Amino acid sequence: MNDPGFLQPFLGARLPWLYHESGYWTIFGVFGNALFSSRFLLQWLQSERHKRLIVPPIFWHLSFWGSVVCLVYALHIDKLPVILGYVFLPFLYARNLRLLRRSNDHTVTGHDENKK
């Protein structure tokens, strides 16, 4: 990369692989976008099949892992607006996954806090 970017002066010495230019980075970025975007396709297909709005658990897994891959790619291209666009998403989706796991645990054990 010609432009040192936003984080490269701080992270370049510790993570040189992150700033090594390669065609594999483009493939990695496309993979992250495909992973992140596929969640909408799967959610739409599930909703169409059930004729009502459905957000399947895989939606949150694809959201989390797609945002992680996109964040790593954003760190590679080292442009602040792109980094800021992805930096908080993995934390939000991880929280949703944790809530999902907690609700599944209550469903399996039969202890639902909303029931009286």
Protein backbone atom coordinates (compact mmCIF):
# COMPACT_ATOMS: atom_id res chain seq x y z
CA MET A 1 0.00 0.00 0.00
CA ASN A 2 1.36 3.42 -0.89
CA ASP A 3 -0.68 5.42 1.63
CA PRO A 4 0.25 4.47 5.21
CA GLY A 5 -3.42 4.73 6.16
CA PHE A 6 -4.92 5.29 9.56
CA LEU A 7 -3.76 2.33 11.67
CA GLN A 8 -0.76 1.02 9.74
CA PRO A 9 1.72 3.31 11.55
CA PHE A 10 0.55 1.76 14.84
CA LEU A 11 -0.14 -1.84 13.82
CA GLY A 12 2.18 -2.36 10.86
CA ALA A 13 5.17 -3.53 12.91
CA ARG A 14 3.06 -5.93 15.01
CA LEU A 15 0.82 -7.23 12.22
CA PRO A 16 2.81 -6.98 8.98
CA TRP A 17 0.65 -9.64 7.30
CA LEU A 18 -2.37 -7.33 7.66
CA TYR A 19 -0.84 -4.78 5.33
CA HIS A 20 0.80 -7.12 2.83
CA GLU A 21 -0.81 -6.52 -0.54
CA SER A 22 -2.14 -9.66 -2.22
CA GLY A 23 -4.97 -10.81 -4.44
CA TYR A 24 -6.00 -13.09 -1.59
CA TRP A 25 -7.14 -10.03 0.34
CA THR A 26 -9.65 -9.25 -2.41
CA ILE A 27 -10.95 -12.82 -2.25
CA PHE A 28 -11.14 -12.54 1.55
CA GLY A 29 -13.10 -9.27 1.30
CA VAL A 30 -15.53 -10.69 -1.25
CA PHE A 31 -15.99 -13.77 0.94
CA GLY A 32 -16.80 -11.56 3.94
CA ASN A 33 -19.34 -9.57 1.95
CA ALA A 34 -20.93 -12.75 0.58
CA LEU A 35 -21.11 -14.24 4.07
CA PHE A 36 -22.61 -11.08 5.54
CA SER A 37 -25.09 -10.60 2.66
CA SER A 38 -26.21 -14.23 2.55
CA ARG A 39 -28.01 -13.74 5.83
CA PHE A 40 -30.66 -11.64 4.09
CA LEU A 41 -31.20 -14.27 1.40
CA LEU A 42 -31.64 -17.02 3.97
CA GLN A 43 -33.94 -14.88 6.10
CA TRP A 44 -36.06 -14.01 3.07
CA LEU A 45 -36.30 -17.65 1.96
CA GLN A 46 -37.34 -18.77 5.45
CA SER A 47 -39.95 -16.01 5.68
CA GLU A 48 -41.36 -16.89 2.26
CA ARG A 49 -41.55 -20.57 3.16
CA HIS A 50 -43.46 -19.84 6.40
CA LYS A 51 -45.48 -16.92 4.94
CA ARG A 52 -44.50 -14.74 7.90
CA LEU A 53 -41.43 -12.91 9.14
CA ILE A 54 -38.83 -15.40 10.36
CA VAL A 55 -35.34 -14.60 11.64
CA PRO A 56 -33.63 -17.98 11.86
CA PRO A 57 -30.68 -18.46 14.25
CA ILE A 58 -28.30 -18.83 11.29
CA PHE A 59 -29.03 -15.17 10.51
CA TRP A 60 -27.16 -14.12 13.65
CA HIS A 61 -24.26 -16.49 13.03
CA LEU A 62 -23.83 -15.19 9.48
CA SER A 63 -24.11 -11.63 10.79
CA PHE A 64 -21.39 -12.21 13.37
CA TRP A 65 -18.88 -14.07 11.20
CA GLY A 66 -19.54 -11.89 8.15
CA SER A 67 -18.93 -8.74 10.19
CA VAL A 68 -15.73 -10.21 11.69
CA VAL A 69 -14.35 -11.03 8.23
CA CYS A 70 -15.41 -7.61 6.90
CA LEU A 71 -13.77 -5.91 9.90
CA VAL A 72 -10.48 -7.70 9.26
CA TYR A 73 -10.68 -6.67 5.60
CA ALA A 74 -11.50 -3.08 6.67
CA LEU A 75 -8.40 -3.09 8.87
CA HIS A 76 -6.41 -4.29 5.85
CA ILE A 77 -7.58 -1.48 3.58
CA ASP A 78 -7.07 0.87 6.53
CA LYS A 79 -9.69 3.50 5.75
CA LEU A 80 -11.32 5.03 8.81
CA PRO A 81 -14.91 5.25 7.45
CA VAL A 82 -14.87 1.57 6.50
CA ILE A 83 -13.34 0.52 9.82
CA LEU A 84 -15.94 2.53 11.74
CA GLY A 85 -18.66 0.88 9.67
CA TYR A 86 -17.68 -2.57 10.95
CA VAL A 87 -15.92 -2.09 14.28
CA PHE A 88 -19.01 -2.32 16.51
CA LEU A 89 -20.99 -4.93 14.56
CA PRO A 90 -19.25 -8.06 15.88
CA PHE A 91 -20.00 -6.96 19.45
CA LEU A 92 -23.68 -6.36 18.67
CA TYR A 93 -24.07 -9.68 16.88
CA ALA A 94 -22.15 -11.53 19.61
CA ARG A 95 -24.62 -10.13 22.12
CA ASN A 96 -27.53 -11.34 19.97
CA LEU A 97 -25.93 -14.78 19.77
CA ARG A 98 -25.59 -14.83 23.53
CA LEU A 99 -29.25 -13.86 23.95
CA LEU A 100 -30.19 -16.53 21.43
CA ARG A 101 -28.23 -19.16 23.35
CA ARG A 102 -29.78 -18.05 26.61
CA SER A 103 -33.31 -18.26 25.15
CA ASN A 104 -32.54 -21.72 23.73
CA ASP A 105 -31.23 -22.86 27.12
CA HIS A 106 -34.49 -21.75 28.75
CA THR A 107 -36.55 -23.46 26.06
CA VAL A 108 -34.67 -26.73 26.47
CA THR A 109 -34.87 -26.72 30.28
CA GLY A 110 -38.46 -25.47 30.33
CA HIS A 111 -37.62 -22.43 32.46
CA ASP A 112 -38.92 -19.41 30.62
CA GLU A 113 -38.72 -16.20 32.66
CA ASN A 114 -41.70 -14.72 30.78
CA LYS A 115 -44.06 -17.49 31.96
CA LYS A 116 -45.85 -17.07 35.26
